[in-house]
Amino acid sequence: MALNPDWLGLLAGTLTTIAFVPQVLKTWRSRSAEDLSLGMFSLFTVGIALWLIYGFWIKALPLILTNTITLGLAATLLFFKLRFGSGK
């Protein structure tokens, strides 16, 4: 049985997307984003947006679905960094 590349892409995207959830919840609960790098999350958010555009361009549903959610989570962390900063 051959593995469909779309299923592999969906699994990979789902796992990397889920990886963001604990950080979003921790930052929300603590109201502190002191340890988050603004530069890293800014670049990461732009990178995810570009992956999403690429997904639409090549009509790759796994890229579109997972990067839409990841973009939302990354943008949320970026917002928390700007809003909460050090939590003080």
PDB file of N, CA and C in Angstrom:
ATOM      1  N   MET A   1       0.843  -1.176   0.000  1.00  0.00           N
ATOM      2  CA  MET A   1       0.000   0.000   0.000  1.00  0.00           C
ATOM      3  C   MET A   1       0.894   1.246   0.000  1.00  0.00           C
ATOM      4  N   ALA A   2       0.742   2.056  -1.007  1.00  0.00           N
ATOM      5  CA  ALA A   2       1.542   3.276  -1.134  1.00  0.00           C
ATOM      6  C   ALA A   2       0.899   4.410  -0.344  1.00  0.00           C
ATOM      7  N   LEU A   3       1.736   5.215   0.263  1.00  0.00           N
ATOM      8  CA  LEU A   3       1.260   6.369   1.017  1.00  0.00           C
ATOM      9  C   LEU A   3       1.019   7.524   0.056  1.00  0.00           C
ATOM     10  N   ASN A   4      -0.158   8.086   0.121  1.00  0.00           N
ATOM     11  CA  ASN A   4      -0.517   9.229  -0.711  1.00  0.00           C
ATOM     12  C   ASN A   4       0.251  10.458  -0.210  1.00  0.00           C
ATOM     13  N   PRO A   5       0.945  11.169  -1.089  1.00  0.00           N
ATOM     14  CA  PRO A   5       1.701  12.356  -0.658  1.00  0.00           C
ATOM     15  C   PRO A   5       0.825  13.409   0.014  1.00  0.00           C
ATOM     16  N   ASP A   6      -0.433  13.531  -0.398  1.00  0.00           N
ATOM     17  CA  ASP A   6      -1.323  14.503   0.239  1.00  0.00           C
ATOM     18  C   ASP A   6      -1.594  14.138   1.692  1.00  0.00           C
ATOM     19  N   TRP A   7      -1.738  12.847   1.975  1.00  0.00           N
ATOM     20  CA  TRP A   7      -1.967  12.415   3.358  1.00  0.00           C
ATOM     21  C   TRP A   7      -0.727  12.656   4.211  1.00  0.00           C
ATOM     22  N   LEU A   8       0.434  12.398   3.630  1.00  0.00           N
ATOM     23  CA  LEU A   8       1.681  12.661   4.344  1.00  0.00           C
ATOM     24  C   LEU A   8       1.824  14.156   4.636  1.00  0.00           C
ATOM     25  N   GLY A   9       1.524  14.991   3.655  1.00  0.00           N
ATOM     26  CA  GLY A   9       1.574  16.439   3.846  1.00  0.00           C
ATOM     27  C   GLY A   9       0.586  16.909   4.894  1.00  0.00           C
ATOM     28  N   LEU A  10      -0.609  16.331   4.883  1.00  0.00           N
ATOM     29  CA  LEU A  10      -1.626  16.696   5.869  1.00  0.00           C
ATOM     30  C   LEU A  10      -1.199  16.276   7.273  1.00  0.00           C
ATOM     31  N   LEU A  11      -0.628  15.082   7.399  1.00  0.00           N
ATOM     32  CA  LEU A  11      -0.146  14.621   8.701  1.00  0.00           C
ATOM     33  C   LEU A  11       0.988  15.512   9.210  1.00  0.00           C
ATOM     34  N   ALA A  12       1.956  15.803   8.351  1.00  0.00           N
ATOM     35  CA  ALA A  12       3.077  16.665   8.744  1.00  0.00           C
ATOM     36  C   ALA A  12       2.584  18.052   9.144  1.00  0.00           C
ATOM     37  N   GLY A  13       1.700  18.621   8.352  1.00  0.00           N
ATOM     38  CA  GLY A  13       1.162  19.942   8.657  1.00  0.00           C
ATOM     39  C   GLY A  13       0.350  19.956   9.935  1.00  0.00           C
ATOM     40  N   THR A  14      -0.424  18.902  10.154  1.00  0.00           N
ATOM     41  CA  THR A  14      -1.237  18.810  11.367  1.00  0.00           C
ATOM     42  C   THR A  14      -0.353  18.746  12.605  1.00  0.00           C
ATOM     43  N   LEU A  15       0.681  17.929  12.559  1.00  0.00           N
ATOM     44  CA  LEU A  15       1.577  17.807  13.712  1.00  0.00           C
ATOM     45  C   LEU A  15       2.309  19.113  14.008  1.00  0.00           C
ATOM     46  N   THR A  16       2.802  19.789  12.981  1.00  0.00           N
ATOM     47  CA  THR A  16       3.507  21.050  13.225  1.00  0.00           C
ATOM     48  C   THR A  16       2.545  22.153  13.658  1.00  0.00           C
ATOM     49  N   THR A  17       1.308  22.085  13.220  1.00  0.00           N
ATOM     50  CA  THR A  17       0.310  23.057  13.656  1.00  0.00           C
ATOM     51  C   THR A  17      -0.048  22.837  15.119  1.00  0.00           C
ATOM     52  N   ILE A  18      -0.301  21.588  15.485  1.00  0.00           N
ATOM     53  CA  ILE A  18      -0.655  21.260  16.870  1.00  0.00           C
ATOM     54  C   ILE A  18       0.474  21.647  17.825  1.00  0.00           C
ATOM     55  N   ALA A  19       1.703  21.618  17.350  1.00  0.00           N
ATOM     56  CA  ALA A  19       2.845  21.964  18.193  1.00  0.00           C
ATOM     57  C   ALA A  19       2.752  23.393  18.735  1.00  0.00           C
ATOM     58  N   PHE A  20       2.016  24.259  18.074  1.00  0.00           N
ATOM     59  CA  PHE A  20       1.876  25.649  18.519  1.00  0.00           C
ATOM     60  C   PHE A  20       0.865  25.825  19.647  1.00  0.00           C
ATOM     61  N   VAL A  21      -0.074  24.924  19.761  1.00  0.00           N
ATOM     62  CA  VAL A  21      -1.172  25.092  20.713  1.00  0.00           C
ATOM     63  C   VAL A  21      -0.679  25.240  22.153  1.00  0.00           C
ATOM     64  N   PRO A  22       0.227  24.394  22.653  1.00  0.00           N
ATOM     65  CA  PRO A  22       0.679  24.586  24.037  1.00  0.00           C
ATOM     66  C   PRO A  22       1.302  25.960  24.294  1.00  0.00           C
ATOM     67  N   GLN A  23       2.064  26.481  23.337  1.00  0.00           N
ATOM     68  CA  GLN A  23       2.689  27.797  23.524  1.00  0.00           C
ATOM     69  C   GLN A  23       1.644  28.905  23.546  1.00  0.00           C
ATOM     70  N   VAL A  24       0.652  28.811  22.680  1.00  0.00           N
ATOM     71  CA  VAL A  24      -0.427  29.805  22.669  1.00  0.00           C
ATOM     72  C   VAL A  24      -1.156  29.787  24.010  1.00  0.00           C
ATOM     73  N   LEU A  25      -1.504  28.600  24.493  1.00  0.00           N
ATOM     74  CA  LEU A  25      -2.219  28.491  25.770  1.00  0.00           C
ATOM     75  C   LEU A  25      -1.371  28.989  26.936  1.00  0.00           C
ATOM     76  N   LYS A  26      -0.088  28.619  26.954  1.00  0.00           N
ATOM     77  CA  LYS A  26       0.799  29.066  28.037  1.00  0.00           C
ATOM     78  C   LYS A  26       0.930  30.587  28.048  1.00  0.00           C
ATOM     79  N   THR A  27       1.105  31.172  26.891  1.00  0.00           N
ATOM     80  CA  THR A  27       1.260  32.624  26.798  1.00  0.00           C
ATOM     81  C   THR A  27      -0.027  33.327  27.198  1.00  0.00           C
ATOM     82  N   TRP A  28      -1.156  32.787  26.789  1.00  0.00           N
ATOM     83  CA  TRP A  28      -2.451  33.375  27.143  1.00  0.00           C
ATOM     84  C   TRP A  28      -2.673  33.313  28.651  1.00  0.00           C
ATOM     85  N   ARG A  29      -2.401  32.162  29.243  1.00  0.00           N
ATOM     86  CA  ARG A  29      -2.638  31.991  30.682  1.00  0.00           C
ATOM     87  C   ARG A  29      -1.701  32.850  31.528  1.00  0.00           C
ATOM     88  N   SER A  30      -0.450  32.934  31.141  1.00  0.00           N
ATOM     89  CA  SER A  30       0.531  33.686  31.931  1.00  0.00           C
ATOM     90  C   SER A  30       0.507  35.179  31.625  1.00  0.00           C
ATOM     91  N   ARG A  31      -0.083  35.536  30.487  1.00  0.00           N
ATOM     92  CA  ARG A  31      -0.104  36.932  30.027  1.00  0.00           C
ATOM     93  C   ARG A  31       1.315  37.498  29.940  1.00  0.00           C
ATOM     94  N   SER A  32       2.254  36.611  29.622  1.00  0.00           N
ATOM     95  CA  SER A  32       3.644  37.022  29.469  1.00  0.00           C
ATOM     96  C   SER A  32       4.209  36.397  28.204  1.00  0.00           C
ATOM     97  N   ALA A  33       4.807  37.232  27.389  1.00  0.00           N
ATOM     98  CA  ALA A  33       5.457  36.761  26.165  1.00  0.00           C
ATOM     99  C   ALA A  33       6.927  37.160  26.174  1.00  0.00           C
ATOM    100  N   GLU A  34       7.457  37.347  27.364  1.00  0.00           N
ATOM    101  CA  GLU A  34       8.831  37.822  27.523  1.00  0.00           C
ATOM    102  C   GLU A  34       9.840  36.919  26.821  1.00  0.00           C
ATOM    103  N   ASP A  35       9.638  35.624  26.896  1.00  0.00           N
ATOM    104  CA  ASP A  35      10.609  34.683  26.328  1.00  0.00           C
ATOM    105  C   ASP A  35      10.406  34.414  24.845  1.00  0.00           C
ATOM    106  N   LEU A  36       9.405  35.014  24.233  1.00  0.00           N
ATOM    107  CA  LEU A  36       9.183  34.838  22.797  1.00  0.00           C
ATOM    108  C   LEU A  36       9.994  35.880  22.034  1.00  0.00           C
ATOM    109  N   SER A  37      10.626  35.452  20.975  1.00  0.00           N
ATOM    110  CA  SER A  37      11.429  36.354  20.154  1.00  0.00           C
ATOM    111  C   SER A  37      10.537  37.056  19.129  1.00  0.00           C
ATOM    112  N   LEU A  38      10.477  38.381  19.200  1.00  0.00           N
ATOM    113  CA  LEU A  38       9.673  39.154  18.257  1.00  0.00           C
ATOM    114  C   LEU A  38      10.176  38.953  16.834  1.00  0.00           C
ATOM    115  N   GLY A  39      11.489  38.979  16.652  1.00  0.00           N
ATOM    116  CA  GLY A  39      12.055  38.789  15.320  1.00  0.00           C
ATOM    117  C   GLY A  39      11.721  37.422  14.744  1.00  0.00           C
ATOM    118  N   MET A  40      11.873  36.386  15.568  1.00  0.00           N
ATOM    119  CA  MET A  40      11.595  35.028  15.101  1.00  0.00           C
ATOM    120  C   MET A  40      10.133  34.872  14.719  1.00  0.00           C
ATOM    121  N   PHE A  41       9.228  35.324  15.573  1.00  0.00           N
ATOM    122  CA  PHE A  41       7.804  35.146  15.272  1.00  0.00           C
ATOM    123  C   PHE A  41       7.335  36.047  14.140  1.00  0.00           C
ATOM    124  N   SER A  42       7.960  37.196  13.969  1.00  0.00           N
ATOM    125  CA  SER A  42       7.631  38.046  12.819  1.00  0.00           C
ATOM    126  C   SER A  42       8.014  37.345  11.521  1.00  0.00           C
ATOM    127  N   LEU A  43       9.250  36.859  11.463  1.00  0.00           N
ATOM    128  CA  LEU A  43       9.712  36.150  10.265  1.00  0.00           C
ATOM    129  C   LEU A  43       8.924  34.865  10.039  1.00  0.00           C
ATOM    130  N   PHE A  44       8.648  34.143  11.104  1.00  0.00           N
ATOM    131  CA  PHE A  44       7.902  32.893  10.993  1.00  0.00           C
ATOM    132  C   PHE A  44       6.497  33.139  10.453  1.00  0.00           C
ATOM    133  N   THR A  45       5.835  34.179  10.942  1.00  0.00           N
ATOM    134  CA  THR A  45       4.480  34.497  10.490  1.00  0.00           C
ATOM    135  C   THR A  45       4.473  34.861   9.008  1.00  0.00           C
ATOM    136  N   VAL A  46       5.441  35.648   8.582  1.00  0.00           N
ATOM    137  CA  VAL A  46       5.551  35.982   7.152  1.00  0.00           C
ATOM    138  C   VAL A  46       5.823  34.716   6.341  1.00  0.00           C
ATOM    139  N   GLY A  47       6.700  33.858   6.840  1.00  0.00           N
ATOM    140  CA  GLY A  47       7.002  32.606   6.150  1.00  0.00           C
ATOM    141  C   GLY A  47       5.778  31.722   5.996  1.00  0.00           C
ATOM    142  N   ILE A  48       4.983  31.605   7.037  1.00  0.00           N
ATOM    143  CA  ILE A  48       3.752  30.805   6.966  1.00  0.00           C
ATOM    144  C   ILE A  48       2.778  31.423   5.974  1.00  0.00           C
ATOM    145  N   ALA A  49       2.679  32.749   5.966  1.00  0.00           N
ATOM    146  CA  ALA A  49       1.799  33.415   4.992  1.00  0.00           C
ATOM    147  C   ALA A  49       2.243  33.090   3.566  1.00  0.00           C
ATOM    148  N   LEU A  50       3.547  33.070   3.339  1.00  0.00           N
ATOM    149  CA  LEU A  50       4.059  32.724   2.010  1.00  0.00           C
ATOM    150  C   LEU A  50       3.780  31.262   1.664  1.00  0.00           C
ATOM    151  N   TRP A  51       3.917  30.354   2.643  1.00  0.00           N
ATOM    152  CA  TRP A  51       3.558  28.951   2.405  1.00  0.00           C
ATOM    153  C   TRP A  51       2.081  28.828   2.040  1.00  0.00           C
ATOM    154  N   LEU A  52       1.246  29.610   2.693  1.00  0.00           N
ATOM    155  CA  LEU A  52      -0.191  29.584   2.400  1.00  0.00           C
ATOM    156  C   LEU A  52      -0.459  30.067   0.980  1.00  0.00           C
ATOM    157  N   ILE A  53       0.176  31.155   0.592  1.00  0.00           N
ATOM    158  CA  ILE A  53       0.033  31.656  -0.785  1.00  0.00           C
ATOM    159  C   ILE A  53       0.503  30.597  -1.774  1.00  0.00           C
ATOM    160  N   TYR A  54       1.638  29.975  -1.471  1.00  0.00           N
ATOM    161  CA  TYR A  54       2.162  28.910  -2.328  1.00  0.00           C
ATOM    162  C   TYR A  54       1.165  27.748  -2.423  1.00  0.00           C
ATOM    163  N   GLY A  55       0.564  27.389  -1.300  1.00  0.00           N
ATOM    164  CA  GLY A  55      -0.427  26.317  -1.294  1.00  0.00           C
ATOM    165  C   GLY A  55      -1.603  26.619  -2.204  1.00  0.00           C
ATOM    166  N   PHE A  56      -2.088  27.859  -2.162  1.00  0.00           N
ATOM    167  CA  PHE A  56      -3.171  28.257  -3.067  1.00  0.00           C
ATOM    168  C   PHE A  56      -2.696  28.224  -4.521  1.00  0.00           C
ATOM    169  N   TRP A  57      -1.478  28.661  -4.733  1.00  0.00           N
ATOM    170  CA  TRP A  57      -0.918  28.736  -6.082  1.00  0.00           C
ATOM    171  C   TRP A  57      -0.857  27.355  -6.741  1.00  0.00           C
ATOM    172  N   ILE A  58      -0.390  26.363  -5.967  1.00  0.00           N
ATOM    173  CA  ILE A  58      -0.274  25.020  -6.543  1.00  0.00           C
ATOM    174  C   ILE A  58      -1.492  24.145  -6.230  1.00  0.00           C
ATOM    175  N   LYS A  59      -2.492  24.755  -5.593  1.00  0.00           N
ATOM    176  CA  LYS A  59      -3.742  24.060  -5.268  1.00  0.00           C
ATOM    177  C   LYS A  59      -3.502  22.808  -4.415  1.00  0.00           C
ATOM    178  N   ALA A  60      -2.693  22.970  -3.375  1.00  0.00           N
ATOM    179  CA  ALA A  60      -2.361  21.866  -2.470  1.00  0.00           C
ATOM    180  C   ALA A  60      -3.172  22.007  -1.187  1.00  0.00           C
ATOM    181  N   LEU A  61      -4.248  21.251  -1.094  1.00  0.00           N
ATOM    182  CA  LEU A  61      -5.147  21.352   0.049  1.00  0.00           C
ATOM    183  C   LEU A  61      -4.443  21.153   1.395  1.00  0.00           C
ATOM    184  N   PRO A  62      -3.530  20.180   1.544  1.00  0.00           N
ATOM    185  CA  PRO A  62      -2.852  20.052   2.839  1.00  0.00           C
ATOM    186  C   PRO A  62      -2.092  21.324   3.247  1.00  0.00           C
ATOM    187  N   LEU A  63      -1.427  21.965   2.299  1.00  0.00           N
ATOM    188  CA  LEU A  63      -0.723  23.217   2.603  1.00  0.00           C
ATOM    189  C   LEU A  63      -1.700  24.319   2.978  1.00  0.00           C
ATOM    190  N   ILE A  64      -2.806  24.388   2.276  1.00  0.00           N
ATOM    191  CA  ILE A  64      -3.797  25.433   2.530  1.00  0.00           C
ATOM    192  C   ILE A  64      -4.422  25.254   3.910  1.00  0.00           C
ATOM    193  N   LEU A  65      -4.873  24.038   4.213  1.00  0.00           N
ATOM    194  CA  LEU A  65      -5.556  23.795   5.487  1.00  0.00           C
ATOM    195  C   LEU A  65      -4.635  24.009   6.681  1.00  0.00           C
ATOM    196  N   THR A  66      -3.487  23.367   6.650  1.00  0.00           N
ATOM    197  CA  THR A  66      -2.619  23.439   7.826  1.00  0.00           C
ATOM    198  C   THR A  66      -1.978  24.814   7.994  1.00  0.00           C
ATOM    199  N   ASN A  67      -1.603  25.457   6.910  1.00  0.00           N
ATOM    200  CA  ASN A  67      -0.975  26.771   7.039  1.00  0.00           C
ATOM    201  C   ASN A  67      -1.972  27.866   7.380  1.00  0.00           C
ATOM    202  N   THR A  68      -3.235  27.683   7.043  1.00  0.00           N
ATOM    203  CA  THR A  68      -4.254  28.637   7.485  1.00  0.00           C
ATOM    204  C   THR A  68      -4.340  28.627   9.009  1.00  0.00           C
ATOM    205  N   ILE A  69      -4.381  27.430   9.581  1.00  0.00           N
ATOM    206  CA  ILE A  69      -4.465  27.309  11.036  1.00  0.00           C
ATOM    207  C   ILE A  69      -3.159  27.759  11.690  1.00  0.00           C
ATOM    208  N   THR A  70      -2.027  27.331  11.140  1.00  0.00           N
ATOM    209  CA  THR A  70      -0.730  27.726  11.696  1.00  0.00           C
ATOM    210  C   THR A  70      -0.540  29.236  11.637  1.00  0.00           C
ATOM    211  N   LEU A  71      -0.981  29.853  10.553  1.00  0.00           N
ATOM    212  CA  LEU A  71      -0.884  31.312  10.443  1.00  0.00           C
ATOM    213  C   LEU A  71      -1.697  31.978  11.547  1.00  0.00           C
ATOM    214  N   GLY A  72      -2.876  31.458  11.815  1.00  0.00           N
ATOM    215  CA  GLY A  72      -3.693  32.004  12.900  1.00  0.00           C
ATOM    216  C   GLY A  72      -3.010  31.877  14.249  1.00  0.00           C
ATOM    217  N   LEU A  73      -2.419  30.713  14.517  1.00  0.00           N
ATOM    218  CA  LEU A  73      -1.723  30.505  15.790  1.00  0.00           C
ATOM    219  C   LEU A  73      -0.466  31.366  15.894  1.00  0.00           C
ATOM    220  N   ALA A  74       0.310  31.429  14.825  1.00  0.00           N
ATOM    221  CA  ALA A  74       1.530  32.246  14.843  1.00  0.00           C
ATOM    222  C   ALA A  74       1.189  33.727  14.983  1.00  0.00           C
ATOM    223  N   ALA A  75       0.146  34.164  14.291  1.00  0.00           N
ATOM    224  CA  ALA A  75      -0.281  35.564  14.403  1.00  0.00           C
ATOM    225  C   ALA A  75      -0.781  35.857  15.815  1.00  0.00           C
ATOM    226  N   THR A  76      -1.431  34.881  16.434  1.00  0.00           N
ATOM    227  CA  THR A  76      -1.885  35.046  17.815  1.00  0.00           C
ATOM    228  C   THR A  76      -0.690  35.229  18.744  1.00  0.00           C
ATOM    229  N   LEU A  77       0.337  34.404  18.583  1.00  0.00           N
ATOM    230  CA  LEU A  77       1.537  34.560  19.411  1.00  0.00           C
ATOM    231  C   LEU A  77       2.231  35.891  19.149  1.00  0.00           C
ATOM    232  N   LEU A  78       2.260  36.318  17.914  1.00  0.00           N
ATOM    233  CA  LEU A  78       2.849  37.610  17.579  1.00  0.00           C
ATOM    234  C   LEU A  78       2.052  38.738  18.245  1.00  0.00           C
ATOM    235  N   PHE A  79       0.729  38.637  18.200  1.00  0.00           N
ATOM    236  CA  PHE A  79      -0.128  39.616  18.874  1.00  0.00           C
ATOM    237  C   PHE A  79       0.142  39.616  20.379  1.00  0.00           C
ATOM    238  N   PHE A  80       0.227  38.413  20.979  1.00  0.00           N
ATOM    239  CA  PHE A  80       0.517  38.321  22.410  1.00  0.00           C
ATOM    240  C   PHE A  80       1.858  38.973  22.737  1.00  0.00           C
ATOM    241  N   LYS A  81       2.857  38.758  21.886  1.00  0.00           N
ATOM    242  CA  LYS A  81       4.171  39.363  22.127  1.00  0.00           C
ATOM    243  C   LYS A  81       4.055  40.884  22.127  1.00  0.00           C
ATOM    244  N   LEU A  82       3.318  41.418  21.180  1.00  0.00           N
ATOM    245  CA  LEU A  82       3.153  42.871  21.103  1.00  0.00           C
ATOM    246  C   LEU A  82       2.269  43.394  22.234  1.00  0.00           C
ATOM    247  N   ARG A  83       1.278  42.632  22.613  1.00  0.00           N
ATOM    248  CA  ARG A  83       0.319  43.068  23.635  1.00  0.00           C
ATOM    249  C   ARG A  83       0.848  42.877  25.056  1.00  0.00           C
ATOM    250  N   PHE A  84       1.344  41.675  25.342  1.00  0.00           N
ATOM    251  CA  PHE A  84       1.743  41.348  26.704  1.00  0.00           C
ATOM    252  C   PHE A  84       3.208  41.649  26.982  1.00  0.00           C
ATOM    253  N   GLY A  85       4.038  41.601  25.955  1.00  0.00           N
ATOM    254  CA  GLY A  85       5.464  41.855  26.160  1.00  0.00           C
ATOM    255  C   GLY A  85       6.025  41.017  27.277  1.00  0.00           C
ATOM    256  N   SER A  86       6.465  41.654  28.321  1.00  0.00           N
ATOM    257  CA  SER A  86       7.078  40.936  29.438  1.00  0.00           C
ATOM    258  C   SER A  86       6.061  40.519  30.487  1.00  0.00           C
ATOM    259  N   GLY A  87       4.811  40.901  30.309  1.00  0.00           N
ATOM    260  CA  GLY A  87       3.788  40.525  31.277  1.00  0.00           C
ATOM    261  C   GLY A  87       3.715  41.458  32.466  1.00  0.00           C
ATOM    262  N   LYS A  88       4.451  42.543  32.399  1.00  0.00           N
ATOM    263  CA  LYS A  88       4.475  43.491  33.526  1.00  0.00           C
ATOM    264  C   LYS A  88       3.450  44.583  33.334  1.00  0.00           C
TER     265      LYS A  88
END
